[in-house]
Amino acid sequence: MKSRGFTLLETTIVLALAFLFLLLSFYFAPRSSAQFKEEQFMQNLTSKLDKAAMQGKEHHQIVRAFFGKEDVQILVGRKTEELEYPPTLIKYGAESVYISPSGVTRPTTIPLVSKKGHYSYNLIFELSFGGVYRVTKQEW
């Protein structure tokens, strides 16, 4: 009668492959985690800017987005919302962007540089009715 188990060689190969996948996941996990946090921050930022622009239009108030070295402050009237940068993003200097109740803003590009990779995020505000802005990722 034949035994229906695995041989020592087959078990060793499977364990070696599992160990290799585990090592690779530890190598790539911090990079992808940091990049995920950065992209999630950019999504939260654009969502909060959209919400603030709608509130400004609704209450006929100017929206001010202040991009400091540590966080972004979005002000509508007397209400302030803060959004901290992830630890891997760097903002050099400080800038403010004003969005009128009609959505008009001055053309501005706000760069946020990543410490983890060779890229930066550019938040681009365009002069137009409706407050058009977009985020681009630029590698270098």
C-alpha atoms as a PDB file:
ATOM      1  CA  MET A   1       0.000   0.000   0.000  1.00  0.00           C
ATOM      2  CA  LYS A   2       1.355   3.427  -0.997  1.00  0.00           C
ATOM      3  CA  SER A   3       1.601   6.278   1.499  1.00  0.00           C
ATOM      4  CA  ARG A   4      -0.297   9.442   0.475  1.00  0.00           C
ATOM      5  CA  GLY A   5       1.831  12.092   2.218  1.00  0.00           C
ATOM      6  CA  PHE A   6       4.281  14.728   1.045  1.00  0.00           C
ATOM      7  CA  THR A   7       7.952  13.988   0.720  1.00  0.00           C
ATOM      8  CA  LEU A   8      10.552  15.916   2.656  1.00  0.00           C
ATOM      9  CA  LEU A   9      11.727  17.586  -0.569  1.00  0.00           C
ATOM     10  CA  GLU A  10       8.223  18.806  -1.488  1.00  0.00           C
ATOM     11  CA  THR A  11       7.660  20.191   2.013  1.00  0.00           C
ATOM     12  CA  THR A  12      11.017  21.967   1.977  1.00  0.00           C
ATOM     13  CA  ILE A  13      10.261  23.600  -1.406  1.00  0.00           C
ATOM     14  CA  VAL A  14       6.847  24.834  -0.220  1.00  0.00           C
ATOM     15  CA  LEU A  15       8.309  26.251   3.003  1.00  0.00           C
ATOM     16  CA  ALA A  16      11.128  27.962   1.069  1.00  0.00           C
ATOM     17  CA  LEU A  17       8.620  29.597  -1.306  1.00  0.00           C
ATOM     18  CA  ALA A  18       6.446  30.725   1.612  1.00  0.00           C
ATOM     19  CA  PHE A  19       9.514  32.220   3.312  1.00  0.00           C
ATOM     20  CA  LEU A  20      10.494  34.020   0.090  1.00  0.00           C
ATOM     21  CA  PHE A  21       7.011  35.555  -0.284  1.00  0.00           C
ATOM     22  CA  LEU A  22       7.118  36.627   3.355  1.00  0.00           C
ATOM     23  CA  LEU A  23      10.487  38.350   2.864  1.00  0.00           C
ATOM     24  CA  LEU A  24       9.244  40.133  -0.259  1.00  0.00           C
ATOM     25  CA  SER A  25       6.117  41.369   1.521  1.00  0.00           C
ATOM     26  CA  PHE A  26       8.241  42.863   4.328  1.00  0.00           C
ATOM     27  CA  TYR A  27      10.406  44.594   1.750  1.00  0.00           C
ATOM     28  CA  PHE A  28       7.547  46.122  -0.291  1.00  0.00           C
ATOM     29  CA  ALA A  29       4.944  46.705   2.454  1.00  0.00           C
ATOM     30  CA  PRO A  30       6.377  49.946   3.942  1.00  0.00           C
ATOM     31  CA  ARG A  31       6.648  51.583   0.507  1.00  0.00           C
ATOM     32  CA  SER A  32       3.138  50.671  -0.573  1.00  0.00           C
ATOM     33  CA  SER A  33       1.734  51.601   2.844  1.00  0.00           C
ATOM     34  CA  ALA A  34       3.312  55.068   2.693  1.00  0.00           C
ATOM     35  CA  GLN A  35       2.140  55.586  -0.866  1.00  0.00           C
ATOM     36  CA  PHE A  36      -1.372  54.466   0.120  1.00  0.00           C
ATOM     37  CA  LYS A  37      -1.421  57.008   2.974  1.00  0.00           C
ATOM     38  CA  GLU A  38      -0.240  59.760   0.640  1.00  0.00           C
ATOM     39  CA  GLU A  39      -2.893  58.978  -1.966  1.00  0.00           C
ATOM     40  CA  GLN A  40      -5.570  58.718   0.728  1.00  0.00           C
ATOM     41  CA  PHE A  41      -4.478  62.137   2.052  1.00  0.00           C
ATOM     42  CA  MET A  42      -4.827  63.653  -1.431  1.00  0.00           C
ATOM     43  CA  GLN A  43      -8.317  62.155  -1.796  1.00  0.00           C
ATOM     44  CA  ASN A  44      -9.343  63.512   1.622  1.00  0.00           C
ATOM     45  CA  LEU A  45      -7.933  66.913   0.737  1.00  0.00           C
ATOM     46  CA  THR A  46      -9.819  67.168  -2.557  1.00  0.00           C
ATOM     47  CA  SER A  47     -13.000  65.972  -0.842  1.00  0.00           C
ATOM     48  CA  LYS A  48     -12.674  68.616   1.884  1.00  0.00           C
ATOM     49  CA  LEU A  49     -11.915  71.318  -0.701  1.00  0.00           C
ATOM     50  CA  ASP A  50     -15.043  70.334  -2.657  1.00  0.00           C
ATOM     51  CA  LYS A  51     -17.133  70.448   0.507  1.00  0.00           C
ATOM     52  CA  ALA A  52     -15.684  73.828   1.531  1.00  0.00           C
ATOM     53  CA  ALA A  53     -16.268  75.302  -1.945  1.00  0.00           C
ATOM     54  CA  MET A  54     -19.906  74.183  -1.801  1.00  0.00           C
ATOM     55  CA  GLN A  55     -20.324  75.706   1.685  1.00  0.00           C
ATOM     56  CA  GLY A  56     -18.688  78.939   0.520  1.00  0.00           C
ATOM     57  CA  LYS A  57     -21.057  79.150  -2.425  1.00  0.00           C
ATOM     58  CA  GLU A  58     -24.043  78.343  -0.233  1.00  0.00           C
ATOM     59  CA  HIS A  59     -23.194  80.986   2.417  1.00  0.00           C
ATOM     60  CA  HIS A  60     -21.610  83.522  -0.009  1.00  0.00           C
ATOM     61  CA  GLN A  61     -18.233  83.339   1.739  1.00  0.00           C
ATOM     62  CA  ILE A  62     -14.656  83.138   0.519  1.00  0.00           C
ATOM     63  CA  VAL A  63     -12.867  79.855   1.167  1.00  0.00           C
ATOM     64  CA  ARG A  64      -9.232  80.020   2.245  1.00  0.00           C
ATOM     65  CA  ALA A  65      -6.994  76.972   2.034  1.00  0.00           C
ATOM     66  CA  PHE A  66      -3.749  77.534   3.904  1.00  0.00           C
ATOM     67  CA  PHE A  67      -0.989  75.034   3.082  1.00  0.00           C
ATOM     68  CA  GLY A  68       1.496  75.215   5.958  1.00  0.00           C
ATOM     69  CA  LYS A  69       4.548  73.090   6.665  1.00  0.00           C
ATOM     70  CA  GLU A  70       2.678  70.629   8.917  1.00  0.00           C
ATOM     71  CA  ASP A  71      -0.965  70.724   7.848  1.00  0.00           C
ATOM     72  CA  VAL A  72      -3.631  72.182   5.605  1.00  0.00           C
ATOM     73  CA  GLN A  73      -6.242  74.479   7.121  1.00  0.00           C
ATOM     74  CA  ILE A  74      -9.443  75.074   5.197  1.00  0.00           C
ATOM     75  CA  LEU A  75     -11.420  78.074   6.412  1.00  0.00           C
ATOM     76  CA  VAL A  76     -15.009  78.900   5.480  1.00  0.00           C
ATOM     77  CA  GLY A  77     -16.216  81.890   7.469  1.00  0.00           C
ATOM     78  CA  ARG A  78     -15.267  81.096  11.070  1.00  0.00           C
ATOM     79  CA  LYS A  79     -15.231  77.352  10.588  1.00  0.00           C
ATOM     80  CA  THR A  80     -11.790  75.743  10.226  1.00  0.00           C
ATOM     81  CA  GLU A  81     -10.928  72.213   9.204  1.00  0.00           C
ATOM     82  CA  GLU A  82      -7.410  70.875   9.571  1.00  0.00           C
ATOM     83  CA  LEU A  83      -5.816  68.025   7.717  1.00  0.00           C
ATOM     84  CA  GLU A  84      -2.319  66.888   8.722  1.00  0.00           C
ATOM     85  CA  TYR A  85       0.151  65.770   6.101  1.00  0.00           C
ATOM     86  CA  PRO A  86       1.231  62.129   6.280  1.00  0.00           C
ATOM     87  CA  PRO A  87       4.750  61.776   7.728  1.00  0.00           C
ATOM     88  CA  THR A  88       6.189  61.034   4.277  1.00  0.00           C
ATOM     89  CA  LEU A  89       4.979  64.261   2.592  1.00  0.00           C
ATOM     90  CA  ILE A  90       6.949  67.496   2.783  1.00  0.00           C
ATOM     91  CA  LYS A  91       5.594  70.979   2.081  1.00  0.00           C
ATOM     92  CA  TYR A  92       8.257  73.639   1.615  1.00  0.00           C
ATOM     93  CA  GLY A  93       7.099  77.110   2.596  1.00  0.00           C
ATOM     94  CA  ALA A  94       3.520  78.198   3.178  1.00  0.00           C
ATOM     95  CA  GLU A  95       0.892  79.288   0.686  1.00  0.00           C
ATOM     96  CA  SER A  96      -2.761  80.299   0.712  1.00  0.00           C
ATOM     97  CA  VAL A  97      -5.376  79.747  -1.947  1.00  0.00           C
ATOM     98  CA  TYR A  98      -8.610  81.738  -1.981  1.00  0.00           C
ATOM     99  CA  ILE A  99     -11.761  80.466  -3.680  1.00  0.00           C
ATOM    100  CA  SER A 100     -14.533  83.001  -4.216  1.00  0.00           C
ATOM    101  CA  PRO A 101     -18.202  82.095  -3.633  1.00  0.00           C
ATOM    102  CA  SER A 102     -18.574  81.728  -7.401  1.00  0.00           C
ATOM    103  CA  GLY A 103     -15.636  79.298  -7.471  1.00  0.00           C
ATOM    104  CA  VAL A 104     -13.093  81.599  -9.116  1.00  0.00           C
ATOM    105  CA  THR A 105      -9.517  81.249  -7.902  1.00  0.00           C
ATOM    106  CA  ARG A 106      -6.063  82.477  -8.874  1.00  0.00           C
ATOM    107  CA  PRO A 107      -3.977  79.944 -10.837  1.00  0.00           C
ATOM    108  CA  THR A 108      -1.643  78.266  -8.351  1.00  0.00           C
ATOM    109  CA  THR A 109       0.386  75.069  -8.145  1.00  0.00           C
ATOM    110  CA  ILE A 110       1.124  73.644  -4.714  1.00  0.00           C
ATOM    111  CA  PRO A 111       3.820  70.936  -4.671  1.00  0.00           C
ATOM    112  CA  LEU A 112       4.000  68.264  -1.968  1.00  0.00           C
ATOM    113  CA  VAL A 113       7.190  66.165  -2.134  1.00  0.00           C
ATOM    114  CA  SER A 114       7.298  62.535  -1.005  1.00  0.00           C
ATOM    115  CA  LYS A 115      10.199  61.314   1.142  1.00  0.00           C
ATOM    116  CA  LYS A 116       9.571  57.688   0.179  1.00  0.00           C
ATOM    117  CA  GLY A 117       9.801  57.860  -3.586  1.00  0.00           C
ATOM    118  CA  HIS A 118      11.147  60.015  -6.349  1.00  0.00           C
ATOM    119  CA  TYR A 119       7.914  61.856  -7.008  1.00  0.00           C
ATOM    120  CA  SER A 120       5.793  64.783  -5.903  1.00  0.00           C
ATOM    121  CA  TYR A 121       2.109  65.579  -5.924  1.00  0.00           C
ATOM    122  CA  ASN A 122       1.069  68.862  -7.515  1.00  0.00           C
ATOM    123  CA  LEU A 123      -2.250  70.346  -6.497  1.00  0.00           C
ATOM    124  CA  ILE A 124      -3.089  72.619  -9.430  1.00  0.00           C
ATOM    125  CA  PHE A 125      -5.723  75.345  -9.100  1.00  0.00           C
ATOM    126  CA  GLU A 126      -6.843  76.723 -12.450  1.00  0.00           C
ATOM    127  CA  LEU A 127      -8.471  80.061 -13.140  1.00  0.00           C
ATOM    128  CA  SER A 128     -12.014  79.213 -14.140  1.00  0.00           C
ATOM    129  CA  PHE A 129     -15.615  79.468 -13.081  1.00  0.00           C
ATOM    130  CA  GLY A 130     -16.421  76.661 -10.681  1.00  0.00           C
ATOM    131  CA  GLY A 131     -13.011  76.386  -9.005  1.00  0.00           C
ATOM    132  CA  VAL A 132     -11.291  73.731 -11.074  1.00  0.00           C
ATOM    133  CA  TYR A 133      -8.387  72.008  -9.397  1.00  0.00           C
ATOM    134  CA  ARG A 134      -6.669  68.698  -9.901  1.00  0.00           C
ATOM    135  CA  VAL A 135      -3.919  66.573  -8.440  1.00  0.00           C
ATOM    136  CA  THR A 136      -1.098  65.259 -10.592  1.00  0.00           C
ATOM    137  CA  LYS A 137       1.692  62.902  -9.575  1.00  0.00           C
ATOM    138  CA  GLN A 138       5.054  63.765 -11.080  1.00  0.00           C
ATOM    139  CA  GLU A 139       8.018  61.378 -10.993  1.00  0.00           C
ATOM    140  CA  TRP A 140      11.609  62.610 -11.217  1.00  0.00           C
END
